[in-house]
């Protein structure tokens, strides 16, 4: 599963973290940005730590940094990233607000929505639970 947003600093990082955490050894999850910021937002690291997911070793990546493959799923985060050059069997756009300028409670609301959607995707795409 590939999660894509613009900066690969917030939403897609959290989605990757949840997919790895909940999918365990049944899923390979990656994230990237169309215009990577170079760093993962410290607020994303803090918010995910509250859920038991460690993002401290993650880095903001470009689509060019990823394996060139046909992905089973590509999920964009509502930031207009069509990713036409990324081959995928299935595609979704979650249209999630970028939480980077929200107060912390708003940030956590987006985080929790991402977790809910990742769990639904895992149920749909793999033999999960």
C-alpha atoms as a PDB file:
ATOM      1  CA  UNK A   1       0.000   0.000   0.000  1.00  0.00           C
ATOM      2  CA  UNK A   2       1.300   3.443  -0.887  1.00  0.00           C
ATOM      3  CA  UNK A   3      -0.016   6.550   0.890  1.00  0.00           C
ATOM      4  CA  UNK A   4       0.649   9.869  -0.851  1.00  0.00           C
ATOM      5  CA  UNK A   5       0.251  13.484   0.213  1.00  0.00           C
ATOM      6  CA  UNK A   6       2.072  16.644  -0.743  1.00  0.00           C
ATOM      7  CA  UNK A   7       4.815  16.942   1.889  1.00  0.00           C
ATOM      8  CA  UNK A   8       4.928  13.376   3.268  1.00  0.00           C
ATOM      9  CA  UNK A   9       5.202  14.963   6.689  1.00  0.00           C
ATOM     10  CA  UNK A  10       1.782  14.371   8.297  1.00  0.00           C
ATOM     11  CA  UNK A  11      -1.160  12.441   6.821  1.00  0.00           C
ATOM     12  CA  UNK A  12       0.671   9.929   4.650  1.00  0.00           C
ATOM     13  CA  UNK A  13       3.237   9.299   7.395  1.00  0.00           C
ATOM     14  CA  UNK A  14       0.485   8.561   9.901  1.00  0.00           C
ATOM     15  CA  UNK A  15      -1.302   6.287   7.420  1.00  0.00           C
ATOM     16  CA  UNK A  16       1.905   4.356   6.727  1.00  0.00           C
ATOM     17  CA  UNK A  17       2.529   4.031  10.465  1.00  0.00           C
ATOM     18  CA  UNK A  18      -0.961   2.714  11.157  1.00  0.00           C
ATOM     19  CA  UNK A  19      -0.829   0.290   8.208  1.00  0.00           C
ATOM     20  CA  UNK A  20       2.474  -1.159   9.417  1.00  0.00           C
ATOM     21  CA  UNK A  21       1.282  -1.254  13.034  1.00  0.00           C
ATOM     22  CA  UNK A  22      -2.102  -2.875  12.406  1.00  0.00           C
ATOM     23  CA  UNK A  23      -1.166  -4.882   9.303  1.00  0.00           C
ATOM     24  CA  UNK A  24       1.893  -6.378  10.978  1.00  0.00           C
ATOM     25  CA  UNK A  25       3.544  -8.897   8.626  1.00  0.00           C
ATOM     26  CA  UNK A  26       0.530  -9.062   6.286  1.00  0.00           C
ATOM     27  CA  UNK A  27       1.125  -5.717   4.587  1.00  0.00           C
ATOM     28  CA  UNK A  28       3.969  -3.682   3.143  1.00  0.00           C
ATOM     29  CA  UNK A  29       3.174  -0.011   3.620  1.00  0.00           C
ATOM     30  CA  UNK A  30       4.995   2.995   2.234  1.00  0.00           C
ATOM     31  CA  UNK A  31       4.389   6.721   2.027  1.00  0.00           C
ATOM     32  CA  UNK A  32       5.712   9.504  -0.151  1.00  0.00           C
ATOM     33  CA  UNK A  33       5.075  13.091  -1.140  1.00  0.00           C
ATOM     34  CA  UNK A  34       4.752  14.884  -4.435  1.00  0.00           C
ATOM     35  CA  UNK A  35       6.772  17.744  -2.861  1.00  0.00           C
ATOM     36  CA  UNK A  36       8.429  16.184   0.225  1.00  0.00           C
ATOM     37  CA  UNK A  37       9.292  18.539   3.062  1.00  0.00           C
ATOM     38  CA  UNK A  38      12.378  16.564   4.072  1.00  0.00           C
ATOM     39  CA  UNK A  39      11.168  15.966   7.630  1.00  0.00           C
ATOM     40  CA  UNK A  40       8.320  14.295   9.464  1.00  0.00           C
ATOM     41  CA  UNK A  41       6.313  16.824  11.470  1.00  0.00           C
ATOM     42  CA  UNK A  42       7.188  16.481  15.185  1.00  0.00           C
ATOM     43  CA  UNK A  43       3.466  16.798  15.962  1.00  0.00           C
ATOM     44  CA  UNK A  44       2.821  13.664  13.849  1.00  0.00           C
ATOM     45  CA  UNK A  45       5.527  11.840  15.789  1.00  0.00           C
ATOM     46  CA  UNK A  46       3.976  12.919  19.116  1.00  0.00           C
ATOM     47  CA  UNK A  47       0.394  12.117  18.080  1.00  0.00           C
ATOM     48  CA  UNK A  48       1.337   8.674  16.791  1.00  0.00           C
ATOM     49  CA  UNK A  49       3.370   7.876  19.905  1.00  0.00           C
ATOM     50  CA  UNK A  50       0.131   8.309  21.876  1.00  0.00           C
ATOM     51  CA  UNK A  51      -1.252   5.415  19.792  1.00  0.00           C
ATOM     52  CA  UNK A  52       1.844   3.248  20.272  1.00  0.00           C
ATOM     53  CA  UNK A  53       3.248   3.888  16.774  1.00  0.00           C
ATOM     54  CA  UNK A  54       6.859   5.057  16.482  1.00  0.00           C
ATOM     55  CA  UNK A  55       7.591   7.441  13.596  1.00  0.00           C
ATOM     56  CA  UNK A  56      10.967   8.620  14.918  1.00  0.00           C
ATOM     57  CA  UNK A  57      12.901   6.656  12.269  1.00  0.00           C
ATOM     58  CA  UNK A  58      10.640   7.703   9.368  1.00  0.00           C
ATOM     59  CA  UNK A  59      11.748  10.294   6.847  1.00  0.00           C
ATOM     60  CA  UNK A  60       9.904  12.399   4.316  1.00  0.00           C
ATOM     61  CA  UNK A  61      10.313  10.777   0.894  1.00  0.00           C
ATOM     62  CA  UNK A  62       9.664  11.537  -2.754  1.00  0.00           C
ATOM     63  CA  UNK A  63       7.784   9.192  -5.064  1.00  0.00           C
ATOM     64  CA  UNK A  64      11.149   8.712  -6.821  1.00  0.00           C
ATOM     65  CA  UNK A  65      12.594   7.225  -3.604  1.00  0.00           C
ATOM     66  CA  UNK A  66      10.195   4.262  -3.714  1.00  0.00           C
ATOM     67  CA  UNK A  67      10.360   0.930  -5.514  1.00  0.00           C
ATOM     68  CA  UNK A  68       9.050   1.131  -9.077  1.00  0.00           C
ATOM     69  CA  UNK A  69       6.271  -1.430  -9.006  1.00  0.00           C
ATOM     70  CA  UNK A  70       2.570  -1.804  -9.553  1.00  0.00           C
ATOM     71  CA  UNK A  71       1.100  -1.079  -6.149  1.00  0.00           C
ATOM     72  CA  UNK A  72      -1.898  -3.034  -4.905  1.00  0.00           C
ATOM     73  CA  UNK A  73      -3.316   0.198  -3.432  1.00  0.00           C
ATOM     74  CA  UNK A  74      -2.455   3.872  -3.803  1.00  0.00           C
ATOM     75  CA  UNK A  75      -4.249   6.167  -1.374  1.00  0.00           C
ATOM     76  CA  UNK A  76      -3.997   9.920  -1.790  1.00  0.00           C
ATOM     77  CA  UNK A  77      -4.907  12.238   1.054  1.00  0.00           C
ATOM     78  CA  UNK A  78      -7.122  14.763  -0.708  1.00  0.00           C
ATOM     79  CA  UNK A  79      -4.385  17.125  -1.752  1.00  0.00           C
ATOM     80  CA  UNK A  80      -4.871  16.826  -5.483  1.00  0.00           C
ATOM     81  CA  UNK A  81      -2.109  14.275  -6.001  1.00  0.00           C
ATOM     82  CA  UNK A  82      -3.304  12.327  -9.014  1.00  0.00           C
ATOM     83  CA  UNK A  83      -0.002  10.395  -9.207  1.00  0.00           C
ATOM     84  CA  UNK A  84      -0.583   9.390 -12.838  1.00  0.00           C
ATOM     85  CA  UNK A  85       2.889   7.857 -13.073  1.00  0.00           C
ATOM     86  CA  UNK A  86       2.258   5.529 -10.111  1.00  0.00           C
ATOM     87  CA  UNK A  87       0.846   2.238 -11.331  1.00  0.00           C
ATOM     88  CA  UNK A  88      -1.796   0.738  -9.026  1.00  0.00           C
ATOM     89  CA  UNK A  89      -4.463  -1.972  -9.086  1.00  0.00           C
ATOM     90  CA  UNK A  90      -6.711   0.086  -6.782  1.00  0.00           C
ATOM     91  CA  UNK A  91      -6.865   3.790  -5.989  1.00  0.00           C
ATOM     92  CA  UNK A  92      -8.643   5.870  -3.345  1.00  0.00           C
ATOM     93  CA  UNK A  93      -8.619   9.526  -2.392  1.00  0.00           C
ATOM     94  CA  UNK A  94      -9.433  10.175   1.266  1.00  0.00           C
ATOM     95  CA  UNK A  95      -9.838  13.987   1.021  1.00  0.00           C
ATOM     96  CA  UNK A  96      -8.432  14.620   4.487  1.00  0.00           C
ATOM     97  CA  UNK A  97      -7.642  18.076   5.805  1.00  0.00           C
ATOM     98  CA  UNK A  98      -3.931  18.724   6.298  1.00  0.00           C
ATOM     99  CA  UNK A  99      -3.581  18.928  10.095  1.00  0.00           C
ATOM    100  CA  UNK A 100      -0.264  20.808  10.180  1.00  0.00           C
ATOM    101  CA  UNK A 101      -1.828  24.153  11.166  1.00  0.00           C
ATOM    102  CA  UNK A 102      -4.596  22.784  13.378  1.00  0.00           C
ATOM    103  CA  UNK A 103      -4.588  22.942  17.174  1.00  0.00           C
ATOM    104  CA  UNK A 104      -3.510  19.658  18.755  1.00  0.00           C
ATOM    105  CA  UNK A 105      -7.081  18.420  19.326  1.00  0.00           C
ATOM    106  CA  UNK A 106      -7.818  18.921  15.625  1.00  0.00           C
ATOM    107  CA  UNK A 107      -4.591  17.153  14.745  1.00  0.00           C
ATOM    108  CA  UNK A 108      -5.627  14.161  16.855  1.00  0.00           C
ATOM    109  CA  UNK A 109      -9.053  14.148  15.161  1.00  0.00           C
ATOM    110  CA  UNK A 110      -7.376  13.768  11.751  1.00  0.00           C
ATOM    111  CA  UNK A 111      -5.023  11.110  13.166  1.00  0.00           C
ATOM    112  CA  UNK A 112      -7.963   9.094  14.491  1.00  0.00           C
ATOM    113  CA  UNK A 113      -9.814   9.385  11.168  1.00  0.00           C
ATOM    114  CA  UNK A 114      -6.712   8.115   9.368  1.00  0.00           C
ATOM    115  CA  UNK A 115      -6.542   5.138  11.720  1.00  0.00           C
ATOM    116  CA  UNK A 116     -10.227   4.351  11.112  1.00  0.00           C
ATOM    117  CA  UNK A 117      -9.730   4.474   7.349  1.00  0.00           C
ATOM    118  CA  UNK A 118      -6.523   2.418   7.429  1.00  0.00           C
ATOM    119  CA  UNK A 119      -8.291  -0.289   9.432  1.00  0.00           C
ATOM    120  CA  UNK A 120     -11.170  -0.314   6.917  1.00  0.00           C
ATOM    121  CA  UNK A 121      -8.690  -0.549   4.030  1.00  0.00           C
ATOM    122  CA  UNK A 122      -6.864  -3.427   5.685  1.00  0.00           C
ATOM    123  CA  UNK A 123     -10.140  -5.273   6.204  1.00  0.00           C
ATOM    124  CA  UNK A 124     -10.989  -4.759   2.523  1.00  0.00           C
ATOM    125  CA  UNK A 125      -7.603  -5.524   1.017  1.00  0.00           C
ATOM    126  CA  UNK A 126      -6.094  -8.353   3.103  1.00  0.00           C
ATOM    127  CA  UNK A 127      -7.215 -11.191   5.310  1.00  0.00           C
ATOM    128  CA  UNK A 128      -7.065  -8.983   8.371  1.00  0.00           C
ATOM    129  CA  UNK A 129      -8.187  -9.571  11.974  1.00  0.00           C
END
